[in-house]
């Protein structure tokens, strides 16, 4: 179409009197321009939303890549230290087994009480009471309290406490009181505890 023909296609058209209800009677040139504008708007909008969606997806993948890198580094560190962790676990299990062997069984508790009595007598103490109290349940073990009452000198009591601390079985000493008695002797009350492992 020549320039004259293009001008003729707009002849008699005033953009100020644009009426969309009369679009069918618009000159051909106006119709072509409107179609091109609508087409450009549709294509531009589609491209914009397509690019925006792809841009969002790319940003999401970039973030995911950073997370995957951190996860990879964490797992690589764990794999690199796996042998050391296994060795530590074996050491902990071995130590745990050793501790369990130091806890008395039900059958060994009377013998433990006898050992404590022997230590007191060897230290020169007079044994008033060594009595097992009611056991107490804890999360992973059973606590076995032992009430001990002895009389003797200060040094004899020190020897007794040292001897009980050196017993192969685990015995802890708590809440002791020392009072003066007759003939310059001292009277000591002490709460000892031993433990039994509670297997689930």
N, C-alpha and C. Protein backbone atom coordinates (compact mmCIF):
# COMPACT_ATOMS: atom_id res chain seq x y z
N UNK A 1 0.87 -1.19 0.00
CA UNK A 1 0.00 0.00 0.00
C UNK A 1 0.90 1.23 0.00
N UNK A 2 0.61 2.20 -0.90
CA UNK A 2 1.41 3.42 -1.02
C UNK A 2 1.06 4.37 0.10
N UNK A 3 1.89 5.39 0.26
CA UNK A 3 1.64 6.39 1.30
C UNK A 3 0.30 7.09 1.08
N UNK A 4 -0.03 7.36 -0.22
CA UNK A 4 -1.32 7.99 -0.51
C UNK A 4 -2.46 7.08 -0.10
N UNK A 5 -2.30 5.79 -0.39
CA UNK A 5 -3.35 4.84 -0.01
C UNK A 5 -3.50 4.74 1.49
N UNK A 6 -2.35 4.79 2.20
CA UNK A 6 -2.39 4.74 3.66
C UNK A 6 -3.08 5.97 4.23
N UNK A 7 -2.77 7.14 3.62
CA UNK A 7 -3.44 8.36 4.08
C UNK A 7 -4.92 8.29 3.81
N UNK A 8 -5.28 7.74 2.65
CA UNK A 8 -6.71 7.63 2.30
C UNK A 8 -7.45 6.73 3.29
N UNK A 9 -6.73 5.72 3.82
CA UNK A 9 -7.40 4.78 4.74
C UNK A 9 -7.74 5.45 6.07
N UNK A 10 -7.08 6.58 6.38
CA UNK A 10 -7.37 7.30 7.62
C UNK A 10 -8.24 8.53 7.37
N UNK A 11 -8.58 8.81 6.11
CA UNK A 11 -9.32 10.01 5.76
C UNK A 11 -10.71 9.98 6.43
N UNK A 12 -11.06 11.12 6.95
CA UNK A 12 -12.37 11.26 7.59
C UNK A 12 -12.43 10.69 8.99
N UNK A 13 -11.28 10.24 9.52
CA UNK A 13 -11.25 9.66 10.88
C UNK A 13 -10.67 10.66 11.86
N UNK A 14 -11.38 10.92 12.94
CA UNK A 14 -10.91 11.83 13.98
C UNK A 14 -10.76 11.03 15.26
N UNK A 15 -9.53 10.96 15.78
CA UNK A 15 -9.26 10.14 16.97
C UNK A 15 -10.02 10.63 18.19
N UNK A 16 -10.39 11.92 18.17
CA UNK A 16 -11.15 12.46 19.30
C UNK A 16 -12.57 11.92 19.34
N UNK A 17 -13.06 11.45 18.18
CA UNK A 17 -14.41 10.89 18.11
C UNK A 17 -14.40 9.36 18.05
N UNK A 18 -13.38 8.77 18.68
CA UNK A 18 -13.23 7.31 18.65
C UNK A 18 -14.36 6.66 19.43
N UNK A 19 -15.12 5.83 18.77
CA UNK A 19 -16.27 5.15 19.39
C UNK A 19 -16.11 3.65 19.15
N UNK A 20 -15.85 2.91 20.22
CA UNK A 20 -15.61 1.46 20.09
C UNK A 20 -16.87 0.71 19.66
N UNK A 21 -18.03 1.31 19.91
CA UNK A 21 -19.26 0.66 19.48
C UNK A 21 -19.43 0.74 17.95
N UNK A 22 -18.70 1.67 17.35
CA UNK A 22 -18.75 1.82 15.88
C UNK A 22 -17.46 1.30 15.24
N UNK A 23 -16.81 0.39 15.91
CA UNK A 23 -15.51 -0.09 15.42
C UNK A 23 -15.62 -0.71 14.04
N UNK A 24 -16.76 -1.29 13.71
CA UNK A 24 -16.92 -1.91 12.40
C UNK A 24 -16.87 -0.90 11.26
N UNK A 25 -17.16 0.34 11.54
CA UNK A 25 -17.17 1.38 10.50
C UNK A 25 -15.90 2.20 10.47
N UNK A 26 -14.92 1.81 11.30
CA UNK A 26 -13.64 2.53 11.29
C UNK A 26 -12.95 2.30 9.96
N UNK A 27 -12.13 3.25 9.55
CA UNK A 27 -11.32 3.05 8.34
C UNK A 27 -10.38 1.85 8.52
N UNK A 28 -9.96 1.27 7.41
CA UNK A 28 -9.11 0.06 7.43
C UNK A 28 -7.80 0.35 8.16
N UNK A 29 -7.22 1.49 7.94
CA UNK A 29 -5.95 1.81 8.58
C UNK A 29 -6.07 1.83 10.09
N UNK A 30 -7.17 2.39 10.60
CA UNK A 30 -7.39 2.44 12.05
C UNK A 30 -7.56 1.03 12.60
N UNK A 31 -8.31 0.20 11.86
CA UNK A 31 -8.51 -1.18 12.30
C UNK A 31 -7.17 -1.92 12.38
N UNK A 32 -6.33 -1.68 11.36
CA UNK A 32 -5.03 -2.36 11.34
C UNK A 32 -4.18 -1.91 12.53
N UNK A 33 -4.16 -0.58 12.78
CA UNK A 33 -3.37 -0.06 13.89
C UNK A 33 -3.88 -0.62 15.22
N UNK A 34 -5.21 -0.64 15.39
CA UNK A 34 -5.79 -1.18 16.64
C UNK A 34 -5.46 -2.65 16.81
N UNK A 35 -5.55 -3.40 15.71
CA UNK A 35 -5.21 -4.83 15.77
C UNK A 35 -3.76 -5.02 16.16
N UNK A 36 -2.88 -4.19 15.55
CA UNK A 36 -1.45 -4.29 15.88
C UNK A 36 -1.20 -3.93 17.35
N UNK A 37 -1.90 -2.90 17.86
CA UNK A 37 -1.73 -2.53 19.26
C UNK A 37 -2.20 -3.64 20.20
N UNK A 38 -3.39 -4.20 19.89
CA UNK A 38 -3.90 -5.30 20.73
C UNK A 38 -2.95 -6.48 20.70
N UNK A 39 -2.46 -6.82 19.48
CA UNK A 39 -1.53 -7.94 19.33
C UNK A 39 -0.24 -7.68 20.12
N UNK A 40 0.25 -6.43 20.05
CA UNK A 40 1.48 -6.08 20.77
C UNK A 40 1.27 -6.18 22.27
N UNK A 41 0.10 -5.71 22.74
CA UNK A 41 -0.19 -5.78 24.18
C UNK A 41 -0.27 -7.22 24.64
N UNK A 42 -0.98 -8.08 23.86
CA UNK A 42 -1.12 -9.50 24.25
C UNK A 42 0.24 -10.19 24.26
N UNK A 43 1.01 -9.97 23.17
CA UNK A 43 2.33 -10.61 23.10
C UNK A 43 3.24 -10.08 24.20
N UNK A 44 3.24 -8.74 24.39
CA UNK A 44 4.08 -8.15 25.44
C UNK A 44 3.71 -8.67 26.82
N UNK A 45 2.40 -8.76 27.10
CA UNK A 45 1.97 -9.29 28.39
C UNK A 45 2.38 -10.74 28.58
N UNK A 46 2.20 -11.53 27.52
CA UNK A 46 2.59 -12.94 27.60
C UNK A 46 4.08 -13.10 27.83
N UNK A 47 4.87 -12.31 27.09
CA UNK A 47 6.32 -12.38 27.27
C UNK A 47 6.71 -11.94 28.68
N UNK A 48 6.06 -10.87 29.17
CA UNK A 48 6.37 -10.38 30.52
C UNK A 48 6.10 -11.45 31.57
N UNK A 49 4.89 -12.05 31.53
CA UNK A 49 4.57 -13.08 32.52
C UNK A 49 5.44 -14.31 32.37
N UNK A 50 5.77 -14.67 31.13
CA UNK A 50 6.63 -15.83 30.88
C UNK A 50 8.02 -15.59 31.48
N UNK A 51 8.55 -14.36 31.21
CA UNK A 51 9.89 -14.04 31.72
C UNK A 51 9.88 -13.95 33.24
N UNK A 52 8.82 -13.33 33.79
CA UNK A 52 8.72 -13.22 35.25
C UNK A 52 8.68 -14.59 35.90
N UNK A 53 7.89 -15.50 35.33
CA UNK A 53 7.78 -16.85 35.86
C UNK A 53 9.13 -17.58 35.79
N UNK A 54 9.81 -17.42 34.67
CA UNK A 54 11.12 -18.07 34.51
C UNK A 54 12.14 -17.46 35.47
N UNK A 55 12.06 -16.14 35.65
CA UNK A 55 12.98 -15.47 36.55
C UNK A 55 12.78 -15.98 37.99
N UNK A 56 11.51 -16.11 38.39
CA UNK A 56 11.20 -16.64 39.73
C UNK A 56 11.73 -18.06 39.88
N UNK A 57 11.53 -18.87 38.82
CA UNK A 57 12.01 -20.26 38.87
C UNK A 57 13.53 -20.31 38.98
N UNK A 58 14.21 -19.41 38.26
CA UNK A 58 15.68 -19.38 38.32
C UNK A 58 16.15 -18.98 39.71
N UNK A 59 15.51 -17.95 40.30
CA UNK A 59 15.88 -17.54 41.65
C UNK A 59 15.66 -18.68 42.66
N UNK A 60 14.54 -19.41 42.48
CA UNK A 60 14.26 -20.53 43.35
C UNK A 60 15.33 -21.61 43.23
N UNK A 61 15.76 -21.88 41.99
CA UNK A 61 16.80 -22.89 41.77
C UNK A 61 18.15 -22.44 42.31
N UNK A 62 18.42 -21.12 42.22
CA UNK A 62 19.68 -20.60 42.77
C UNK A 62 19.71 -20.79 44.29
N UNK A 63 18.57 -20.48 44.94
CA UNK A 63 18.48 -20.68 46.39
C UNK A 63 18.62 -22.15 46.74
N UNK A 64 17.96 -22.99 45.94
CA UNK A 64 18.03 -24.44 46.18
C UNK A 64 19.46 -24.95 45.99
N UNK A 65 20.17 -24.37 45.03
CA UNK A 65 21.56 -24.77 44.79
C UNK A 65 22.42 -24.48 46.02
N UNK A 66 22.20 -23.30 46.62
CA UNK A 66 22.97 -22.94 47.83
C UNK A 66 22.65 -23.91 48.97
N UNK A 67 21.37 -24.27 49.13
CA UNK A 67 20.98 -25.23 50.16
C UNK A 67 21.62 -26.59 49.90
N UNK A 68 21.61 -27.01 48.64
CA UNK A 68 22.19 -28.30 48.30
C UNK A 68 23.70 -28.31 48.54
N UNK A 69 24.35 -27.18 48.26
CA UNK A 69 25.80 -27.08 48.52
C UNK A 69 26.08 -27.24 50.01
N UNK A 70 25.27 -26.54 50.84
CA UNK A 70 25.47 -26.66 52.29
C UNK A 70 25.22 -28.09 52.75
N UNK A 71 24.16 -28.71 52.22
CA UNK A 71 23.86 -30.09 52.59
C UNK A 71 24.98 -31.03 52.16
N UNK A 72 25.52 -30.78 50.95
CA UNK A 72 26.62 -31.60 50.45
C UNK A 72 27.86 -31.45 51.33
N UNK A 73 28.17 -30.19 51.72
CA UNK A 73 29.33 -29.96 52.57
C UNK A 73 29.15 -30.64 53.93
N UNK A 74 27.94 -30.57 54.47
CA UNK A 74 27.66 -31.20 55.76
C UNK A 74 27.82 -32.71 55.67
N UNK A 75 27.26 -33.30 54.61
CA UNK A 75 27.35 -34.75 54.46
C UNK A 75 28.79 -35.17 54.14
N UNK A 76 29.51 -34.36 53.38
CA UNK A 76 30.91 -34.66 53.08
C UNK A 76 31.73 -34.67 54.36
N UNK A 77 31.45 -33.68 55.23
CA UNK A 77 32.16 -33.62 56.51
C UNK A 77 31.86 -34.86 57.35
N UNK A 78 30.59 -35.26 57.36
CA UNK A 78 30.22 -36.44 58.14
C UNK A 78 30.89 -37.70 57.60
N UNK A 79 30.89 -37.82 56.27
CA UNK A 79 31.53 -39.01 55.66
C UNK A 79 33.02 -39.01 55.95
N UNK A 80 33.64 -37.83 55.86
CA UNK A 80 35.08 -37.74 56.11
C UNK A 80 35.41 -38.12 57.56
N UNK A 81 34.48 -37.84 58.48
CA UNK A 81 34.73 -38.13 59.90
C UNK A 81 34.02 -39.39 60.38
N UNK A 82 33.50 -40.17 59.45
CA UNK A 82 32.71 -41.35 59.82
C UNK A 82 33.54 -42.36 60.61
N UNK A 83 34.77 -42.61 60.17
CA UNK A 83 35.61 -43.57 60.88
C UNK A 83 35.92 -43.10 62.29
N UNK A 84 36.20 -41.79 62.42
CA UNK A 84 36.48 -41.25 63.76
C UNK A 84 35.24 -41.34 64.65
N UNK A 85 34.07 -41.06 64.08
CA UNK A 85 32.83 -41.15 64.86
C UNK A 85 32.55 -42.60 65.28
N UNK A 86 32.83 -43.53 64.36
CA UNK A 86 32.64 -44.95 64.71
C UNK A 86 33.57 -45.36 65.84
N UNK A 87 34.80 -44.87 65.78
CA UNK A 87 35.76 -45.18 66.84
C UNK A 87 35.32 -44.58 68.17
N UNK A 88 34.82 -43.33 68.12
CA UNK A 88 34.32 -42.71 69.34
C UNK A 88 33.13 -43.49 69.90
N UNK A 89 32.25 -43.93 69.00
CA UNK A 89 31.09 -44.72 69.44
C UNK A 89 31.54 -46.02 70.09
N UNK A 90 32.52 -46.68 69.49
CA UNK A 90 33.04 -47.92 70.06
C UNK A 90 33.67 -47.65 71.43
N UNK A 91 34.40 -46.52 71.55
CA UNK A 91 35.02 -46.17 72.84
C UNK A 91 33.96 -45.92 73.91
N UNK A 92 32.90 -45.18 73.50
CA UNK A 92 31.81 -44.89 74.45
C UNK A 92 31.13 -46.18 74.89
N UNK A 93 30.86 -47.07 73.94
CA UNK A 93 30.21 -48.35 74.28
C UNK A 93 31.10 -49.17 75.20
N UNK A 94 32.42 -49.16 74.91
CA UNK A 94 33.35 -49.89 75.78
C UNK A 94 33.37 -49.32 77.18
N UNK A 95 33.38 -47.97 77.27
CA UNK A 95 33.37 -47.33 78.59
C UNK A 95 32.07 -47.61 79.32
N UNK A 96 30.96 -47.60 78.57
CA UNK A 96 29.66 -47.88 79.17
C UNK A 96 29.63 -49.31 79.72
N UNK A 97 30.19 -50.25 78.97
CA UNK A 97 30.24 -51.65 79.45
C UNK A 97 31.08 -51.75 80.72
N UNK A 98 32.19 -50.98 80.77
CA UNK A 98 33.02 -51.00 81.97
C UNK A 98 32.26 -50.47 83.19
N UNK A 99 31.48 -49.39 82.96
CA UNK A 99 30.70 -48.82 84.06
C UNK A 99 29.62 -49.80 84.52
N UNK A 100 28.98 -50.46 83.56
CA UNK A 100 27.95 -51.44 83.92
C UNK A 100 28.52 -52.56 84.79
N UNK A 101 29.78 -52.95 84.49
CA UNK A 101 30.41 -54.01 85.27
C UNK A 101 30.67 -53.56 86.70
N UNK A 102 30.75 -52.23 86.93
CA UNK A 102 30.99 -51.71 88.27
C UNK A 102 29.70 -51.59 89.08
N UNK A 103 28.56 -51.74 88.42
CA UNK A 103 27.29 -51.69 89.14
C UNK A 103 26.94 -53.08 89.66
N UNK A 104 26.57 -53.17 90.90
CA UNK A 104 26.26 -54.49 91.46
C UNK A 104 24.92 -55.02 90.95
N UNK A 105 24.84 -56.33 90.81
CA UNK A 105 23.57 -56.98 90.50
C UNK A 105 22.81 -57.20 91.80
N UNK A 106 21.58 -57.66 91.69
CA UNK A 106 20.78 -57.93 92.89
C UNK A 106 21.50 -58.91 93.82
N UNK A 107 22.13 -59.91 93.23
CA UNK A 107 22.79 -60.95 94.03
C UNK A 107 24.06 -60.43 94.70
N UNK A 108 24.65 -59.36 94.13
CA UNK A 108 25.92 -58.85 94.66
C UNK A 108 25.73 -57.79 95.73
N UNK A 109 24.53 -57.26 95.91
CA UNK A 109 24.30 -56.20 96.88
C UNK A 109 24.61 -56.65 98.31
N UNK A 110 24.16 -57.82 98.75
CA UNK A 110 24.53 -58.26 100.12
C UNK A 110 26.05 -58.35 100.30
N UNK A 111 26.74 -58.84 99.27
CA UNK A 111 28.20 -58.91 99.36
C UNK A 111 28.83 -57.52 99.44
N UNK A 112 28.23 -56.54 98.75
CA UNK A 112 28.72 -55.16 98.79
C UNK A 112 28.57 -54.60 100.21
N UNK A 113 27.44 -54.88 100.85
CA UNK A 113 27.24 -54.43 102.23
C UNK A 113 28.26 -55.06 103.17
N UNK A 114 28.56 -56.30 102.92
CA UNK A 114 29.58 -57.00 103.73
C UNK A 114 30.96 -56.38 103.52
N UNK A 115 31.26 -56.02 102.26
CA UNK A 115 32.55 -55.37 101.97
C UNK A 115 32.67 -54.05 102.71
N UNK A 116 31.58 -53.27 102.74
CA UNK A 116 31.60 -51.98 103.44
C UNK A 116 31.81 -52.21 104.94
N UNK A 117 31.15 -53.22 105.48
CA UNK A 117 31.34 -53.54 106.91
C UNK A 117 32.79 -53.93 107.19
N UNK A 118 33.39 -54.75 106.31
CA UNK A 118 34.78 -55.17 106.49
C UNK A 118 35.73 -53.97 106.46
N UNK A 119 35.48 -53.02 105.54
CA UNK A 119 36.33 -51.83 105.45
C UNK A 119 36.25 -51.03 106.74
N UNK A 120 35.03 -50.91 107.30
CA UNK A 120 34.86 -50.18 108.56
C UNK A 120 35.58 -50.86 109.70
N UNK A 121 35.47 -52.18 109.79
CA UNK A 121 36.13 -52.92 110.88
C UNK A 121 37.65 -52.85 110.74
N UNK A 122 38.14 -52.94 109.46
CA UNK A 122 39.59 -52.87 109.25
C UNK A 122 40.13 -51.48 109.60
N UNK A 123 39.30 -50.46 109.45
CA UNK A 123 39.71 -49.11 109.83
C UNK A 123 39.65 -48.91 111.34
N UNK A 124 39.08 -49.87 112.07
CA UNK A 124 38.99 -49.78 113.52
C UNK A 124 37.71 -49.15 114.01
N UNK A 125 36.74 -48.97 113.13
CA UNK A 125 35.47 -48.36 113.51
C UNK A 125 34.55 -49.41 114.15
N UNK A 126 33.65 -48.91 114.97
CA UNK A 126 32.58 -49.74 115.51
C UNK A 126 31.35 -49.54 114.62
N UNK A 127 30.86 -50.61 114.02
CA UNK A 127 29.74 -50.52 113.08
C UNK A 127 28.43 -50.54 113.87
N UNK A 128 27.71 -49.43 113.80
CA UNK A 128 26.41 -49.37 114.46
C UNK A 128 25.33 -49.92 113.52
N UNK A 129 25.31 -49.40 112.28
CA UNK A 129 24.29 -49.81 111.31
C UNK A 129 24.86 -49.71 109.91
N UNK A 130 24.59 -50.74 109.11
CA UNK A 130 24.76 -50.66 107.66
C UNK A 130 23.52 -51.34 107.08
N UNK A 131 22.57 -50.54 106.63
CA UNK A 131 21.27 -51.08 106.22
C UNK A 131 20.86 -50.53 104.86
N UNK A 132 20.40 -51.43 104.03
CA UNK A 132 19.91 -51.06 102.70
C UNK A 132 18.51 -50.47 102.84
N UNK A 133 18.27 -49.30 102.22
CA UNK A 133 16.97 -48.64 102.26
C UNK A 133 16.16 -49.01 101.01
N UNK A 134 14.94 -48.49 100.94
CA UNK A 134 14.08 -48.77 99.78
C UNK A 134 14.69 -48.17 98.53
N UNK A 135 14.70 -48.95 97.45
CA UNK A 135 15.31 -48.47 96.21
C UNK A 135 14.45 -47.39 95.58
N UNK A 136 15.11 -46.54 94.78
CA UNK A 136 14.42 -45.43 94.12
C UNK A 136 14.63 -45.54 92.62
N UNK A 137 13.54 -45.44 91.89
CA UNK A 137 13.59 -45.56 90.43
C UNK A 137 13.92 -44.21 89.80
N UNK A 138 14.93 -44.19 88.93
CA UNK A 138 15.26 -43.01 88.14
C UNK A 138 15.00 -43.34 86.67
N UNK A 139 15.38 -42.43 85.77
CA UNK A 139 15.08 -42.62 84.35
C UNK A 139 15.72 -43.88 83.78
N UNK A 140 17.04 -44.04 84.01
CA UNK A 140 17.76 -45.14 83.39
C UNK A 140 18.42 -46.09 84.40
N UNK A 141 18.22 -45.83 85.66
CA UNK A 141 18.87 -46.68 86.66
C UNK A 141 18.01 -46.73 87.92
N UNK A 142 18.38 -47.66 88.78
CA UNK A 142 17.71 -47.78 90.08
C UNK A 142 18.74 -47.41 91.15
N UNK A 143 18.36 -46.52 92.03
CA UNK A 143 19.24 -46.05 93.09
C UNK A 143 19.00 -46.89 94.34
N UNK A 144 20.08 -47.39 94.94
CA UNK A 144 20.00 -48.22 96.14
C UNK A 144 20.66 -47.49 97.31
N UNK A 145 19.89 -46.78 98.14
CA UNK A 145 20.48 -46.05 99.28
C UNK A 145 20.90 -47.01 100.40
N UNK A 146 21.99 -46.66 101.05
CA UNK A 146 22.50 -47.47 102.17
C UNK A 146 22.74 -46.52 103.34
N UNK A 147 22.12 -46.81 104.48
CA UNK A 147 22.30 -45.99 105.69
C UNK A 147 23.45 -46.59 106.51
N UNK A 148 24.45 -45.76 106.80
CA UNK A 148 25.63 -46.23 107.53
C UNK A 148 25.80 -45.37 108.79
N UNK A 149 25.97 -46.04 109.94
CA UNK A 149 26.27 -45.35 111.20
C UNK A 149 27.46 -46.07 111.84
N UNK A 150 28.51 -45.30 112.11
CA UNK A 150 29.72 -45.87 112.69
C UNK A 150 30.24 -44.94 113.78
N UNK A 151 31.07 -45.48 114.68
CA UNK A 151 31.74 -44.66 115.70
C UNK A 151 33.22 -44.99 115.67
N UNK A 152 34.03 -43.98 115.97
CA UNK A 152 35.48 -44.15 115.98
C UNK A 152 36.16 -42.81 115.97
N UNK A 153 37.46 -42.83 115.70
CA UNK A 153 38.22 -41.58 115.68
C UNK A 153 38.10 -40.92 114.30
N UNK A 154 38.56 -39.67 114.27
CA UNK A 154 38.51 -38.90 113.02
C UNK A 154 39.33 -39.60 111.93
N UNK A 155 40.52 -40.08 112.28
CA UNK A 155 41.38 -40.72 111.29
C UNK A 155 40.80 -42.06 110.82
N UNK A 156 40.17 -42.79 111.74
CA UNK A 156 39.52 -44.05 111.35
C UNK A 156 38.39 -43.79 110.35
N UNK A 157 37.65 -42.72 110.57
CA UNK A 157 36.56 -42.37 109.64
C UNK A 157 37.12 -41.97 108.28
N UNK A 158 38.24 -41.24 108.29
CA UNK A 158 38.87 -40.88 107.02
C UNK A 158 39.34 -42.11 106.26
N UNK A 159 39.91 -43.06 106.98
CA UNK A 159 40.35 -44.32 106.36
C UNK A 159 39.16 -45.10 105.80
N UNK A 160 38.06 -45.09 106.55
CA UNK A 160 36.86 -45.79 106.11
C UNK A 160 36.30 -45.18 104.81
N UNK A 161 36.19 -43.86 104.78
CA UNK A 161 35.67 -43.17 103.59
C UNK A 161 36.56 -43.45 102.39
N UNK A 162 37.88 -43.41 102.58
CA UNK A 162 38.81 -43.70 101.49
C UNK A 162 38.66 -45.13 101.00
N UNK A 163 38.47 -46.05 101.94
CA UNK A 163 38.31 -47.46 101.58
C UNK A 163 37.03 -47.69 100.79
N UNK A 164 35.93 -47.04 101.19
CA UNK A 164 34.66 -47.19 100.45
C UNK A 164 34.78 -46.59 99.05
N UNK A 165 35.47 -45.47 98.93
CA UNK A 165 35.65 -44.83 97.62
C UNK A 165 36.47 -45.72 96.69
N UNK A 166 37.33 -46.58 97.24
CA UNK A 166 38.19 -47.43 96.42
C UNK A 166 37.54 -48.77 96.07
N UNK A 167 36.31 -49.00 96.53
CA UNK A 167 35.64 -50.27 96.19
C UNK A 167 35.46 -50.37 94.68
N UNK A 168 35.60 -51.59 94.18
CA UNK A 168 35.48 -51.80 92.73
C UNK A 168 34.09 -51.44 92.22
N UNK A 169 33.07 -51.73 92.99
CA UNK A 169 31.72 -51.36 92.62
C UNK A 169 31.50 -49.87 92.87
N UNK A 170 30.59 -49.26 92.10
CA UNK A 170 30.33 -47.83 92.24
C UNK A 170 29.50 -47.58 93.50
N UNK A 171 30.09 -46.83 94.43
CA UNK A 171 29.40 -46.42 95.65
C UNK A 171 29.70 -44.93 95.85
N UNK A 172 28.66 -44.13 96.00
CA UNK A 172 28.85 -42.70 96.26
C UNK A 172 28.39 -42.39 97.68
N UNK A 173 29.03 -41.40 98.31
CA UNK A 173 28.74 -41.04 99.69
C UNK A 173 28.10 -39.65 99.74
N UNK A 174 27.04 -39.51 100.56
CA UNK A 174 26.27 -38.26 100.60
C UNK A 174 25.87 -37.94 102.04
N UNK A 175 25.64 -36.65 102.29
CA UNK A 175 24.95 -36.16 103.49
C UNK A 175 25.46 -36.79 104.79
N UNK A 176 26.73 -36.60 105.09
CA UNK A 176 27.24 -37.19 106.34
C UNK A 176 27.17 -36.16 107.47
N UNK A 177 26.98 -36.67 108.64
CA UNK A 177 27.01 -35.84 109.86
C UNK A 177 27.93 -36.51 110.87
N UNK A 178 28.72 -35.70 111.57
CA UNK A 178 29.64 -36.22 112.58
C UNK A 178 29.33 -35.52 113.91
N UNK A 179 29.15 -36.33 114.94
CA UNK A 179 28.86 -35.80 116.28
C UNK A 179 29.87 -36.39 117.28
N UNK A 180 30.10 -35.67 118.32
CA UNK A 180 30.98 -36.20 119.37
C UNK A 180 30.22 -37.24 120.18
N UNK A 181 30.93 -38.29 120.55
CA UNK A 181 30.32 -39.35 121.35
C UNK A 181 31.04 -39.46 122.67
N UNK A 182 30.92 -40.61 123.29
CA UNK A 182 31.57 -40.84 124.58
C UNK A 182 33.02 -41.25 124.36
N UNK A 183 33.85 -41.04 125.39
CA UNK A 183 35.26 -41.45 125.37
C UNK A 183 36.01 -40.84 124.19
N UNK A 184 35.70 -39.60 123.84
CA UNK A 184 36.38 -38.87 122.76
C UNK A 184 36.17 -39.49 121.38
N UNK A 185 35.27 -40.44 121.26
CA UNK A 185 34.97 -41.02 119.95
C UNK A 185 33.97 -40.12 119.22
N UNK A 186 33.97 -40.27 117.93
CA UNK A 186 33.02 -39.54 117.09
C UNK A 186 32.00 -40.52 116.53
N UNK A 187 30.80 -40.01 116.31
CA UNK A 187 29.74 -40.81 115.71
C UNK A 187 29.41 -40.21 114.35
N UNK A 188 29.47 -41.03 113.30
CA UNK A 188 29.21 -40.54 111.95
C UNK A 188 28.03 -41.28 111.33
N UNK A 189 27.13 -40.50 110.77
CA UNK A 189 26.02 -41.05 109.96
C UNK A 189 26.24 -40.58 108.53
N UNK A 190 26.20 -41.51 107.62
CA UNK A 190 26.45 -41.17 106.22
C UNK A 190 25.51 -41.98 105.33
N UNK A 191 25.04 -41.34 104.29
CA UNK A 191 24.18 -42.02 103.32
C UNK A 191 25.03 -42.40 102.10
N UNK A 192 25.15 -43.69 101.87
CA UNK A 192 25.87 -44.18 100.69
C UNK A 192 24.83 -44.59 99.65
N UNK A 193 25.24 -44.57 98.40
CA UNK A 193 24.33 -45.00 97.33
C UNK A 193 25.09 -45.84 96.33
N UNK A 194 24.47 -46.91 95.93
CA UNK A 194 24.98 -47.66 94.78
C UNK A 194 23.84 -47.73 93.77
N UNK A 195 24.11 -48.24 92.59
CA UNK A 195 23.14 -48.11 91.50
C UNK A 195 23.05 -49.41 90.72
N UNK A 196 21.88 -49.61 90.15
CA UNK A 196 21.67 -50.76 89.27
C UNK A 196 21.08 -50.25 87.96
N UNK A 197 21.62 -50.71 86.84
CA UNK A 197 21.16 -50.26 85.53
C UNK A 197 19.80 -50.86 85.22
N UNK A 198 18.89 -50.01 84.77
CA UNK A 198 17.53 -50.45 84.42
C UNK A 198 17.47 -50.67 82.92
N UNK A 199 17.41 -51.91 82.48
CA UNK A 199 17.34 -52.23 81.05
C UNK A 199 15.89 -52.25 80.61
N UNK A 200 15.61 -51.50 79.51
CA UNK A 200 14.24 -51.43 78.99
C UNK A 200 14.01 -52.53 77.98
